[in-house]
């Protein structure tokens, strides 16, 4: 399985959940590497819409939290090293958060 640029939301959730499950054990080897690769691909697709959502928030605290989450996700794209389990957890959680932010942008654009 390779990273799919046009992955569906279902694929993204499945990969994020798989990452969290794999992180419970010893997530090494090619399968875990493929999941990390797909999660990074998902983050690349989601990070710009998530940033758009963050910038549009009226509440400054919520905006700061969302912006920090987006920046953290961008940092995960640059960071390729570290504990495999921790990285899977971080990538999986980032995908979950960014999906939530990006879905708000998508819903809002449909209402226009």
PDB file of N, CA and C in Angstrom:
ATOM      1  N   UNK A   1       0.837  -1.187   0.000  1.00  0.00           N
ATOM      2  CA  UNK A   1       0.000   0.000   0.000  1.00  0.00           C
ATOM      3  C   UNK A   1       0.874   1.240   0.000  1.00  0.00           C
ATOM      4  N   UNK A   2       0.567   2.160  -0.881  1.00  0.00           N
ATOM      5  CA  UNK A   2       1.345   3.394  -0.907  1.00  0.00           C
ATOM      6  C   UNK A   2       0.448   4.562  -0.550  1.00  0.00           C
ATOM      7  N   UNK A   3       1.074   5.695  -0.258  1.00  0.00           N
ATOM      8  CA  UNK A   3       0.317   6.895   0.085  1.00  0.00           C
ATOM      9  C   UNK A   3      -0.522   7.296  -1.114  1.00  0.00           C
ATOM     10  N   UNK A   4      -1.784   7.589  -0.870  1.00  0.00           N
ATOM     11  CA  UNK A   4      -2.698   7.965  -1.937  1.00  0.00           C
ATOM     12  C   UNK A   4      -3.040   9.437  -1.767  1.00  0.00           C
ATOM     13  N   UNK A   5      -2.593  10.301  -2.708  1.00  0.00           N
ATOM     14  CA  UNK A   5      -2.846  11.741  -2.568  1.00  0.00           C
ATOM     15  C   UNK A   5      -4.319  12.087  -2.424  1.00  0.00           C
ATOM     16  N   UNK A   6      -5.219  11.367  -3.087  1.00  0.00           N
ATOM     17  CA  UNK A   6      -6.643  11.670  -3.010  1.00  0.00           C
ATOM     18  C   UNK A   6      -7.386  10.767  -2.039  1.00  0.00           C
ATOM     19  N   UNK A   7      -6.768  10.429  -0.938  1.00  0.00           N
ATOM     20  CA  UNK A   7      -7.384   9.519   0.032  1.00  0.00           C
ATOM     21  C   UNK A   7      -8.697  10.089   0.552  1.00  0.00           C
ATOM     22  N   UNK A   8      -9.640   9.205   0.792  1.00  0.00           N
ATOM     23  CA  UNK A   8     -10.945   9.620   1.315  1.00  0.00           C
ATOM     24  C   UNK A   8     -10.840   9.872   2.817  1.00  0.00           C
ATOM     25  N   UNK A   9     -11.814  10.603   3.363  1.00  0.00           N
ATOM     26  CA  UNK A   9     -11.832  10.783   4.821  1.00  0.00           C
ATOM     27  C   UNK A   9     -11.862   9.444   5.571  1.00  0.00           C
ATOM     28  N   UNK A  10     -12.550   8.469   5.008  1.00  0.00           N
ATOM     29  CA  UNK A  10     -12.597   7.144   5.638  1.00  0.00           C
ATOM     30  C   UNK A  10     -11.205   6.523   5.689  1.00  0.00           C
ATOM     31  N   UNK A  11     -10.458   6.657   4.591  1.00  0.00           N
ATOM     32  CA  UNK A  11      -9.081   6.141   4.557  1.00  0.00           C
ATOM     33  C   UNK A  11      -8.219   6.830   5.609  1.00  0.00           C
ATOM     34  N   UNK A  12      -8.399   8.139   5.728  1.00  0.00           N
ATOM     35  CA  UNK A  12      -7.596   8.909   6.679  1.00  0.00           C
ATOM     36  C   UNK A  12      -7.893   8.490   8.115  1.00  0.00           C
ATOM     37  N   UNK A  13      -9.166   8.349   8.432  1.00  0.00           N
ATOM     38  CA  UNK A  13      -9.543   7.921   9.788  1.00  0.00           C
ATOM     39  C   UNK A  13      -9.022   6.515  10.053  1.00  0.00           C
ATOM     40  N   UNK A  14      -9.164   5.649   9.083  1.00  0.00           N
ATOM     41  CA  UNK A  14      -8.693   4.267   9.242  1.00  0.00           C
ATOM     42  C   UNK A  14      -7.187   4.250   9.506  1.00  0.00           C
ATOM     43  N   UNK A  15      -6.425   5.027   8.741  1.00  0.00           N
ATOM     44  CA  UNK A  15      -4.970   5.069   8.946  1.00  0.00           C
ATOM     45  C   UNK A  15      -4.608   5.668  10.303  1.00  0.00           C
ATOM     46  N   UNK A  16      -5.314   6.730  10.705  1.00  0.00           N
ATOM     47  CA  UNK A  16      -5.031   7.347  12.006  1.00  0.00           C
ATOM     48  C   UNK A  16      -5.336   6.368  13.135  1.00  0.00           C
ATOM     49  N   UNK A  17      -6.452   5.666  13.038  1.00  0.00           N
ATOM     50  CA  UNK A  17      -6.805   4.679  14.060  1.00  0.00           C
ATOM     51  C   UNK A  17      -5.820   3.507  14.068  1.00  0.00           C
ATOM     52  N   UNK A  18      -5.400   3.089  12.879  1.00  0.00           N
ATOM     53  CA  UNK A  18      -4.408   2.015  12.778  1.00  0.00           C
ATOM     54  C   UNK A  18      -3.095   2.434  13.432  1.00  0.00           C
ATOM     55  N   UNK A  19      -2.693   3.672  13.218  1.00  0.00           N
ATOM     56  CA  UNK A  19      -1.456   4.172  13.827  1.00  0.00           C
ATOM     57  C   UNK A  19      -1.540   4.113  15.348  1.00  0.00           C
ATOM     58  N   UNK A  20      -2.671   4.535  15.896  1.00  0.00           N
ATOM     59  CA  UNK A  20      -2.829   4.511  17.353  1.00  0.00           C
ATOM     60  C   UNK A  20      -2.813   3.079  17.878  1.00  0.00           C
ATOM     61  N   UNK A  21      -3.397   2.151  17.126  1.00  0.00           N
ATOM     62  CA  UNK A  21      -3.382   0.740  17.551  1.00  0.00           C
ATOM     63  C   UNK A  21      -1.966   0.162  17.442  1.00  0.00           C
ATOM     64  N   UNK A  22      -1.280   0.447  16.346  1.00  0.00           N
ATOM     65  CA  UNK A  22       0.092  -0.056  16.176  1.00  0.00           C
ATOM     66  C   UNK A  22       1.029   0.495  17.243  1.00  0.00           C
ATOM     67  N   UNK A  23       0.783   1.711  17.665  1.00  0.00           N
ATOM     68  CA  UNK A  23       1.652   2.356  18.659  1.00  0.00           C
ATOM     69  C   UNK A  23       1.602   1.648  20.008  1.00  0.00           C
ATOM     70  N   UNK A  24       0.591   0.827  20.215  1.00  0.00           N
ATOM     71  CA  UNK A  24       0.481   0.084  21.478  1.00  0.00           C
ATOM     72  C   UNK A  24       1.523  -1.033  21.576  1.00  0.00           C
ATOM     73  N   UNK A  25       2.054  -1.462  20.442  1.00  0.00           N
ATOM     74  CA  UNK A  25       3.033  -2.555  20.431  1.00  0.00           C
ATOM     75  C   UNK A  25       4.397  -2.058  20.022  1.00  0.00           C
ATOM     76  N   UNK A  26       5.045  -2.821  19.167  1.00  0.00           N
ATOM     77  CA  UNK A  26       6.370  -2.470  18.650  1.00  0.00           C
ATOM     78  C   UNK A  26       6.221  -2.116  17.172  1.00  0.00           C
ATOM     79  N   UNK A  27       5.912  -0.862  16.884  1.00  0.00           N
ATOM     80  CA  UNK A  27       5.601  -0.462  15.507  1.00  0.00           C
ATOM     81  C   UNK A  27       6.838  -0.214  14.649  1.00  0.00           C
ATOM     82  N   UNK A  28       7.504  -1.289  14.289  1.00  0.00           N
ATOM     83  CA  UNK A  28       8.662  -1.168  13.413  1.00  0.00           C
ATOM     84  C   UNK A  28       8.403  -2.008  12.176  1.00  0.00           C
ATOM     85  N   UNK A  29       9.249  -1.878  11.211  1.00  0.00           N
ATOM     86  CA  UNK A  29       9.113  -2.674  10.003  1.00  0.00           C
ATOM     87  C   UNK A  29       8.378  -1.946   8.902  1.00  0.00           C
ATOM     88  N   UNK A  30       8.245  -2.614   7.772  1.00  0.00           N
ATOM     89  CA  UNK A  30       7.676  -1.978   6.588  1.00  0.00           C
ATOM     90  C   UNK A  30       6.212  -1.565   6.742  1.00  0.00           C
ATOM     91  N   UNK A  31       5.414  -2.352   7.434  1.00  0.00           N
ATOM     92  CA  UNK A  31       3.988  -2.012   7.576  1.00  0.00           C
ATOM     93  C   UNK A  31       3.812  -0.707   8.347  1.00  0.00           C
ATOM     94  N   UNK A  32       4.507  -0.571   9.455  1.00  0.00           N
ATOM     95  CA  UNK A  32       4.422   0.666  10.253  1.00  0.00           C
ATOM     96  C   UNK A  32       4.996   1.837   9.465  1.00  0.00           C
ATOM     97  N   UNK A  33       6.033   1.595   8.694  1.00  0.00           N
ATOM     98  CA  UNK A  33       6.616   2.643   7.860  1.00  0.00           C
ATOM     99  C   UNK A  33       5.635   3.138   6.814  1.00  0.00           C
ATOM    100  N   UNK A  34       4.882   2.226   6.228  1.00  0.00           N
ATOM    101  CA  UNK A  34       3.863   2.603   5.245  1.00  0.00           C
ATOM    102  C   UNK A  34       2.755   3.436   5.888  1.00  0.00           C
ATOM    103  N   UNK A  35       2.356   3.071   7.097  1.00  0.00           N
ATOM    104  CA  UNK A  35       1.317   3.845   7.795  1.00  0.00           C
ATOM    105  C   UNK A  35       1.830   5.256   8.068  1.00  0.00           C
ATOM    106  N   UNK A  36       3.058   5.375   8.541  1.00  0.00           N
ATOM    107  CA  UNK A  36       3.631   6.711   8.775  1.00  0.00           C
ATOM    108  C   UNK A  36       3.671   7.520   7.477  1.00  0.00           C
ATOM    109  N   UNK A  37       4.045   6.876   6.388  1.00  0.00           N
ATOM    110  CA  UNK A  37       4.109   7.535   5.085  1.00  0.00           C
ATOM    111  C   UNK A  37       2.721   8.034   4.665  1.00  0.00           C
ATOM    112  N   UNK A  38       1.709   7.190   4.806  1.00  0.00           N
ATOM    113  CA  UNK A  38       0.340   7.595   4.439  1.00  0.00           C
ATOM    114  C   UNK A  38      -0.151   8.724   5.336  1.00  0.00           C
ATOM    115  N   UNK A  39       0.158   8.652   6.629  1.00  0.00           N
ATOM    116  CA  UNK A  39      -0.276   9.718   7.536  1.00  0.00           C
ATOM    117  C   UNK A  39       0.355  11.051   7.157  1.00  0.00           C
ATOM    118  N   UNK A  40       1.618  11.034   6.792  1.00  0.00           N
ATOM    119  CA  UNK A  40       2.272  12.281   6.350  1.00  0.00           C
ATOM    120  C   UNK A  40       1.603  12.818   5.081  1.00  0.00           C
ATOM    121  N   UNK A  41       1.220  11.920   4.204  1.00  0.00           N
ATOM    122  CA  UNK A  41       0.516  12.325   2.987  1.00  0.00           C
ATOM    123  C   UNK A  41      -0.830  12.968   3.343  1.00  0.00           C
ATOM    124  N   UNK A  42      -1.529  12.372   4.281  1.00  0.00           N
ATOM    125  CA  UNK A  42      -2.814  12.931   4.731  1.00  0.00           C
ATOM    126  C   UNK A  42      -2.605  14.318   5.340  1.00  0.00           C
ATOM    127  N   UNK A  43      -1.573  14.452   6.145  1.00  0.00           N
ATOM    128  CA  UNK A  43      -1.299  15.749   6.779  1.00  0.00           C
ATOM    129  C   UNK A  43      -1.034  16.803   5.710  1.00  0.00           C
ATOM    130  N   UNK A  44      -0.266  16.442   4.680  1.00  0.00           N
ATOM    131  CA  UNK A  44      -0.005  17.412   3.604  1.00  0.00           C
ATOM    132  C   UNK A  44      -1.299  17.874   2.933  1.00  0.00           C
ATOM    133  N   UNK A  45      -2.249  16.980   2.785  1.00  0.00           N
ATOM    134  CA  UNK A  45      -3.535  17.333   2.172  1.00  0.00           C
ATOM    135  C   UNK A  45      -4.401  18.199   3.089  1.00  0.00           C
ATOM    136  N   UNK A  46      -4.276  18.001   4.375  1.00  0.00           N
ATOM    137  CA  UNK A  46      -5.170  18.642   5.340  1.00  0.00           C
ATOM    138  C   UNK A  46      -4.641  19.944   5.931  1.00  0.00           C
ATOM    139  N   UNK A  47      -3.346  20.138   5.910  1.00  0.00           N
ATOM    140  CA  UNK A  47      -2.749  21.228   6.679  1.00  0.00           C
ATOM    141  C   UNK A  47      -3.197  22.614   6.179  1.00  0.00           C
ATOM    142  N   UNK A  48      -3.304  22.826   4.882  1.00  0.00           N
ATOM    143  CA  UNK A  48      -3.718  24.140   4.386  1.00  0.00           C
ATOM    144  C   UNK A  48      -5.186  24.456   4.708  1.00  0.00           C
ATOM    145  N   UNK A  49      -6.128  23.520   4.457  1.00  0.00           N
ATOM    146  CA  UNK A  49      -7.504  23.815   4.868  1.00  0.00           C
ATOM    147  C   UNK A  49      -7.634  24.001   6.385  1.00  0.00           C
ATOM    148  N   UNK A  50      -6.867  23.244   7.149  1.00  0.00           N
ATOM    149  CA  UNK A  50      -6.907  23.392   8.610  1.00  0.00           C
ATOM    150  C   UNK A  50      -6.386  24.764   9.020  1.00  0.00           C
ATOM    151  N   UNK A  51      -5.358  25.234   8.335  1.00  0.00           N
ATOM    152  CA  UNK A  51      -4.826  26.566   8.634  1.00  0.00           C
ATOM    153  C   UNK A  51      -5.856  27.645   8.283  1.00  0.00           C
ATOM    154  N   UNK A  52      -6.554  27.454   7.182  1.00  0.00           N
ATOM    155  CA  UNK A  52      -7.610  28.390   6.800  1.00  0.00           C
ATOM    156  C   UNK A  52      -8.676  28.471   7.897  1.00  0.00           C
ATOM    157  N   UNK A  53      -9.053  27.310   8.418  1.00  0.00           N
ATOM    158  CA  UNK A  53     -10.022  27.265   9.518  1.00  0.00           C
ATOM    159  C   UNK A  53      -9.488  28.022  10.734  1.00  0.00           C
ATOM    160  N   UNK A  54      -8.235  27.756  11.085  1.00  0.00           N
ATOM    161  CA  UNK A  54      -7.639  28.393  12.272  1.00  0.00           C
ATOM    162  C   UNK A  54      -7.637  29.914  12.126  1.00  0.00           C
ATOM    163  N   UNK A  55      -7.263  30.389  10.959  1.00  0.00           N
ATOM    164  CA  UNK A  55      -7.209  31.838  10.738  1.00  0.00           C
ATOM    165  C   UNK A  55      -8.585  32.488  10.803  1.00  0.00           C
ATOM    166  N   UNK A  56      -9.618  31.731  10.494  1.00  0.00           N
ATOM    167  CA  UNK A  56     -10.968  32.281  10.482  1.00  0.00           C
ATOM    168  C   UNK A  56     -11.685  32.261  11.822  1.00  0.00           C
ATOM    169  N   UNK A  57     -11.063  31.701  12.841  1.00  0.00           N
ATOM    170  CA  UNK A  57     -11.713  31.637  14.148  1.00  0.00           C
ATOM    171  C   UNK A  57     -11.751  33.016  14.801  1.00  0.00           C
ATOM    172  N   UNK A  58     -12.899  33.355  15.348  1.00  0.00           N
ATOM    173  CA  UNK A  58     -13.065  34.658  15.998  1.00  0.00           C
ATOM    174  C   UNK A  58     -12.445  34.669  17.396  1.00  0.00           C
ATOM    175  N   UNK A  59     -12.583  33.579  18.114  1.00  0.00           N
ATOM    176  CA  UNK A  59     -12.063  33.477  19.485  1.00  0.00           C
ATOM    177  C   UNK A  59     -10.539  33.350  19.433  1.00  0.00           C
ATOM    178  N   UNK A  60      -9.836  34.281  20.048  1.00  0.00           N
ATOM    179  CA  UNK A  60      -8.375  34.297  19.946  1.00  0.00           C
ATOM    180  C   UNK A  60      -7.729  33.065  20.585  1.00  0.00           C
ATOM    181  N   UNK A  61      -8.278  32.574  21.677  1.00  0.00           N
ATOM    182  CA  UNK A  61      -7.705  31.381  22.318  1.00  0.00           C
ATOM    183  C   UNK A  61      -7.870  30.162  21.409  1.00  0.00           C
ATOM    184  N   UNK A  62      -9.064  29.984  20.869  1.00  0.00           N
ATOM    185  CA  UNK A  62      -9.309  28.858  19.955  1.00  0.00           C
ATOM    186  C   UNK A  62      -8.435  28.988  18.715  1.00  0.00           C
ATOM    187  N   UNK A  63      -8.290  30.214  18.210  1.00  0.00           N
ATOM    188  CA  UNK A  63      -7.449  30.456  17.034  1.00  0.00           C
ATOM    189  C   UNK A  63      -5.993  30.086  17.334  1.00  0.00           C
ATOM    190  N   UNK A  64      -5.502  30.487  18.504  1.00  0.00           N
ATOM    191  CA  UNK A  64      -4.122  30.172  18.889  1.00  0.00           C
ATOM    192  C   UNK A  64      -3.905  28.662  19.011  1.00  0.00           C
ATOM    193  N   UNK A  65      -4.866  27.970  19.597  1.00  0.00           N
ATOM    194  CA  UNK A  65      -4.756  26.509  19.762  1.00  0.00           C
ATOM    195  C   UNK A  65      -4.765  25.826  18.398  1.00  0.00           C
ATOM    196  N   UNK A  66      -5.689  26.224  17.529  1.00  0.00           N
ATOM    197  CA  UNK A  66      -5.772  25.618  16.199  1.00  0.00           C
ATOM    198  C   UNK A  66      -4.507  25.918  15.395  1.00  0.00           C
ATOM    199  N   UNK A  67      -4.018  27.153  15.467  1.00  0.00           N
ATOM    200  CA  UNK A  67      -2.791  27.524  14.736  1.00  0.00           C
ATOM    201  C   UNK A  67      -1.597  26.727  15.246  1.00  0.00           C
ATOM    202  N   UNK A  68      -1.507  26.526  16.552  1.00  0.00           N
ATOM    203  CA  UNK A  68      -0.412  25.735  17.130  1.00  0.00           C
ATOM    204  C   UNK A  68      -0.509  24.277  16.688  1.00  0.00           C
ATOM    205  N   UNK A  69      -1.720  23.764  16.592  1.00  0.00           N
ATOM    206  CA  UNK A  69      -1.921  22.388  16.130  1.00  0.00           C
ATOM    207  C   UNK A  69      -1.460  22.238  14.688  1.00  0.00           C
ATOM    208  N   UNK A  70      -1.793  23.212  13.853  1.00  0.00           N
ATOM    209  CA  UNK A  70      -1.373  23.190  12.450  1.00  0.00           C
ATOM    210  C   UNK A  70       0.158  23.267  12.360  1.00  0.00           C
ATOM    211  N   UNK A  71       0.754  24.155  13.127  1.00  0.00           N
ATOM    212  CA  UNK A  71       2.213  24.294  13.104  1.00  0.00           C
ATOM    213  C   UNK A  71       2.895  23.010  13.593  1.00  0.00           C
ATOM    214  N   UNK A  72       2.323  22.388  14.610  1.00  0.00           N
ATOM    215  CA  UNK A  72       2.867  21.124  15.116  1.00  0.00           C
ATOM    216  C   UNK A  72       2.801  20.053  14.024  1.00  0.00           C
ATOM    217  N   UNK A  73       1.699  20.003  13.308  1.00  0.00           N
ATOM    218  CA  UNK A  73       1.557  19.030  12.226  1.00  0.00           C
ATOM    219  C   UNK A  73       2.604  19.272  11.142  1.00  0.00           C
ATOM    220  N   UNK A  74       2.842  20.534  10.828  1.00  0.00           N
ATOM    221  CA  UNK A  74       3.885  20.853   9.841  1.00  0.00           C
ATOM    222  C   UNK A  74       5.258  20.387  10.344  1.00  0.00           C
ATOM    223  N   UNK A  75       5.487  20.534  11.627  1.00  0.00           N
ATOM    224  CA  UNK A  75       6.738  20.057  12.213  1.00  0.00           C
ATOM    225  C   UNK A  75       6.881  18.551  12.102  1.00  0.00           C
ATOM    226  N   UNK A  76       5.782  17.832  12.233  1.00  0.00           N
ATOM    227  CA  UNK A  76       5.822  16.377  12.100  1.00  0.00           C
ATOM    228  C   UNK A  76       6.217  15.956  10.684  1.00  0.00           C
ATOM    229  N   UNK A  77       5.868  16.780   9.712  1.00  0.00           N
ATOM    230  CA  UNK A  77       6.264  16.473   8.337  1.00  0.00           C
ATOM    231  C   UNK A  77       7.777  16.568   8.165  1.00  0.00           C
ATOM    232  N   UNK A  78       8.398  17.467   8.913  1.00  0.00           N
ATOM    233  CA  UNK A  78       9.855  17.638   8.819  1.00  0.00           C
ATOM    234  C   UNK A  78      10.602  16.603   9.662  1.00  0.00           C
ATOM    235  N   UNK A  79      10.001  16.133  10.746  1.00  0.00           N
ATOM    236  CA  UNK A  79      10.661  15.235  11.690  1.00  0.00           C
ATOM    237  C   UNK A  79      10.468  13.785  11.254  1.00  0.00           C
ATOM    238  N   UNK A  80      11.535  13.152  10.835  1.00  0.00           N
ATOM    239  CA  UNK A  80      11.468  11.765  10.363  1.00  0.00           C
ATOM    240  C   UNK A  80      12.063  10.785  11.374  1.00  0.00           C
ATOM    241  N   UNK A  81      12.634  11.280  12.438  1.00  0.00           N
ATOM    242  CA  UNK A  81      13.333  10.437  13.407  1.00  0.00           C
ATOM    243  C   UNK A  81      12.512  10.318  14.690  1.00  0.00           C
ATOM    244  N   UNK A  82      13.023   9.539  15.612  1.00  0.00           N
ATOM    245  CA  UNK A  82      12.404   9.434  16.923  1.00  0.00           C
ATOM    246  C   UNK A  82      11.799   8.068  17.178  1.00  0.00           C
ATOM    247  N   UNK A  83      11.188   7.959  18.321  1.00  0.00           N
ATOM    248  CA  UNK A  83      10.548   6.723  18.746  1.00  0.00           C
ATOM    249  C   UNK A  83       9.394   6.385  17.796  1.00  0.00           C
ATOM    250  N   UNK A  84       9.417   5.213  17.167  1.00  0.00           N
ATOM    251  CA  UNK A  84       8.370   4.862  16.202  1.00  0.00           C
ATOM    252  C   UNK A  84       6.953   4.888  16.787  1.00  0.00           C
ATOM    253  N   UNK A  85       6.805   4.428  18.021  1.00  0.00           N
ATOM    254  CA  UNK A  85       5.477   4.424  18.641  1.00  0.00           C
ATOM    255  C   UNK A  85       4.991   5.844  18.883  1.00  0.00           C
ATOM    256  N   UNK A  86       5.861   6.678  19.415  1.00  0.00           N
ATOM    257  CA  UNK A  86       5.483   8.070  19.677  1.00  0.00           C
ATOM    258  C   UNK A  86       5.142   8.783  18.375  1.00  0.00           C
ATOM    259  N   UNK A  87       5.927   8.540  17.331  1.00  0.00           N
ATOM    260  CA  UNK A  87       5.675   9.189  16.047  1.00  0.00           C
ATOM    261  C   UNK A  87       4.330   8.744  15.471  1.00  0.00           C
ATOM    262  N   UNK A  88       4.015   7.466  15.575  1.00  0.00           N
ATOM    263  CA  UNK A  88       2.707   7.000  15.090  1.00  0.00           C
ATOM    264  C   UNK A  88       1.568   7.675  15.845  1.00  0.00           C
ATOM    265  N   UNK A  89       1.721   7.777  17.162  1.00  0.00           N
ATOM    266  CA  UNK A  89       0.670   8.447  17.958  1.00  0.00           C
ATOM    267  C   UNK A  89       0.527   9.906  17.544  1.00  0.00           C
ATOM    268  N   UNK A  90       1.641  10.602  17.419  1.00  0.00           N
ATOM    269  CA  UNK A  90       1.596  12.017  17.046  1.00  0.00           C
ATOM    270  C   UNK A  90       0.999  12.223  15.663  1.00  0.00           C
ATOM    271  N   UNK A  91       1.416  11.409  14.702  1.00  0.00           N
ATOM    272  CA  UNK A  91       0.878  11.531  13.353  1.00  0.00           C
ATOM    273  C   UNK A  91      -0.608  11.198  13.314  1.00  0.00           C
ATOM    274  N   UNK A  92      -0.997  10.127  13.996  1.00  0.00           N
ATOM    275  CA  UNK A  92      -2.407   9.732  14.022  1.00  0.00           C
ATOM    276  C   UNK A  92      -3.289  10.800  14.642  1.00  0.00           C
ATOM    277  N   UNK A  93      -2.857  11.344  15.757  1.00  0.00           N
ATOM    278  CA  UNK A  93      -3.642  12.388  16.415  1.00  0.00           C
ATOM    279  C   UNK A  93      -3.679  13.665  15.581  1.00  0.00           C
ATOM    280  N   UNK A  94      -2.573  13.980  14.923  1.00  0.00           N
ATOM    281  CA  UNK A  94      -2.553  15.171  14.067  1.00  0.00           C
ATOM    282  C   UNK A  94      -3.561  15.031  12.936  1.00  0.00           C
ATOM    283  N   UNK A  95      -3.623  13.851  12.327  1.00  0.00           N
ATOM    284  CA  UNK A  95      -4.596  13.634  11.247  1.00  0.00           C
ATOM    285  C   UNK A  95      -6.018  13.811  11.776  1.00  0.00           C
ATOM    286  N   UNK A  96      -6.315  13.265  12.939  1.00  0.00           N
ATOM    287  CA  UNK A  96      -7.656  13.431  13.523  1.00  0.00           C
ATOM    288  C   UNK A  96      -7.992  14.908  13.711  1.00  0.00           C
ATOM    289  N   UNK A  97      -7.079  15.672  14.299  1.00  0.00           N
ATOM    290  CA  UNK A  97      -7.333  17.099  14.548  1.00  0.00           C
ATOM    291  C   UNK A  97      -7.477  17.877  13.241  1.00  0.00           C
ATOM    292  N   UNK A  98      -6.557  17.657  12.313  1.00  0.00           N
ATOM    293  CA  UNK A  98      -6.607  18.396  11.059  1.00  0.00           C
ATOM    294  C   UNK A  98      -7.861  18.056  10.264  1.00  0.00           C
ATOM    295  N   UNK A  99      -8.295  16.809  10.319  1.00  0.00           N
ATOM    296  CA  UNK A  99      -9.535  16.432   9.631  1.00  0.00           C
ATOM    297  C   UNK A  99     -10.718  17.208  10.197  1.00  0.00           C
ATOM    298  N   UNK A 100     -10.751  17.335  11.499  1.00  0.00           N
ATOM    299  CA  UNK A 100     -11.849  18.072  12.128  1.00  0.00           C
ATOM    300  C   UNK A 100     -11.829  19.528  11.684  1.00  0.00           C
ATOM    301  N   UNK A 101     -10.658  20.148  11.689  1.00  0.00           N
ATOM    302  CA  UNK A 101     -10.544  21.544  11.266  1.00  0.00           C
ATOM    303  C   UNK A 101     -10.905  21.693   9.790  1.00  0.00           C
ATOM    304  N   UNK A 102     -10.356  20.826   8.945  1.00  0.00           N
ATOM    305  CA  UNK A 102     -10.607  20.912   7.510  1.00  0.00           C
ATOM    306  C   UNK A 102     -12.078  20.676   7.177  1.00  0.00           C
ATOM    307  N   UNK A 103     -12.729  19.819   7.943  1.00  0.00           N
ATOM    308  CA  UNK A 103     -14.151  19.551   7.673  1.00  0.00           C
ATOM    309  C   UNK A 103     -14.998  20.786   7.936  1.00  0.00           C
ATOM    310  N   UNK A 104     -14.607  21.619   8.892  1.00  0.00           N
ATOM    311  CA  UNK A 104     -15.337  22.864   9.147  1.00  0.00           C
ATOM    312  C   UNK A 104     -15.246  23.789   7.936  1.00  0.00           C
ATOM    313  N   UNK A 105     -14.080  23.867   7.335  1.00  0.00           N
ATOM    314  CA  UNK A 105     -13.886  24.709   6.146  1.00  0.00           C
ATOM    315  C   UNK A 105     -14.732  24.169   5.000  1.00  0.00           C
ATOM    316  N   UNK A 106     -14.701  22.860   4.821  1.00  0.00           N
ATOM    317  CA  UNK A 106     -15.453  22.227   3.736  1.00  0.00           C
ATOM    318  C   UNK A 106     -16.955  22.448   3.906  1.00  0.00           C
ATOM    319  N   UNK A 107     -17.462  22.271   5.122  1.00  0.00           N
ATOM    320  CA  UNK A 107     -18.892  22.486   5.379  1.00  0.00           C
ATOM    321  C   UNK A 107     -19.285  23.930   5.133  1.00  0.00           C
ATOM    322  N   UNK A 108     -18.434  24.854   5.583  1.00  0.00           N
ATOM    323  CA  UNK A 108     -18.730  26.268   5.419  1.00  0.00           C
ATOM    324  C   UNK A 108     -18.754  26.661   3.939  1.00  0.00           C
ATOM    325  N   UNK A 109     -17.839  26.105   3.137  1.00  0.00           N
ATOM    326  CA  UNK A 109     -17.808  26.445   1.711  1.00  0.00           C
ATOM    327  C   UNK A 109     -19.018  25.864   0.979  1.00  0.00           C
ATOM    328  N   UNK A 110     -19.573  24.744   1.449  1.00  0.00           N
ATOM    329  CA  UNK A 110     -20.772  24.165   0.837  1.00  0.00           C
ATOM    330  C   UNK A 110     -22.009  25.005   1.124  1.00  0.00           C
ATOM    331  N   UNK A 111     -21.999  25.702   2.250  1.00  0.00           N
ATOM    332  CA  UNK A 111     -23.168  26.505   2.640  1.00  0.00           C
ATOM    333  C   UNK A 111     -23.248  27.820   1.875  1.00  0.00           C
ATOM    334  N   UNK A 112     -22.197  28.212   1.227  1.00  0.00           N
ATOM    335  CA  UNK A 112     -22.191  29.487   0.494  1.00  0.00           C
ATOM    336  C   UNK A 112     -23.041  29.436  -0.736  1.00  0.00           C
TER     337      UNK A 112
END
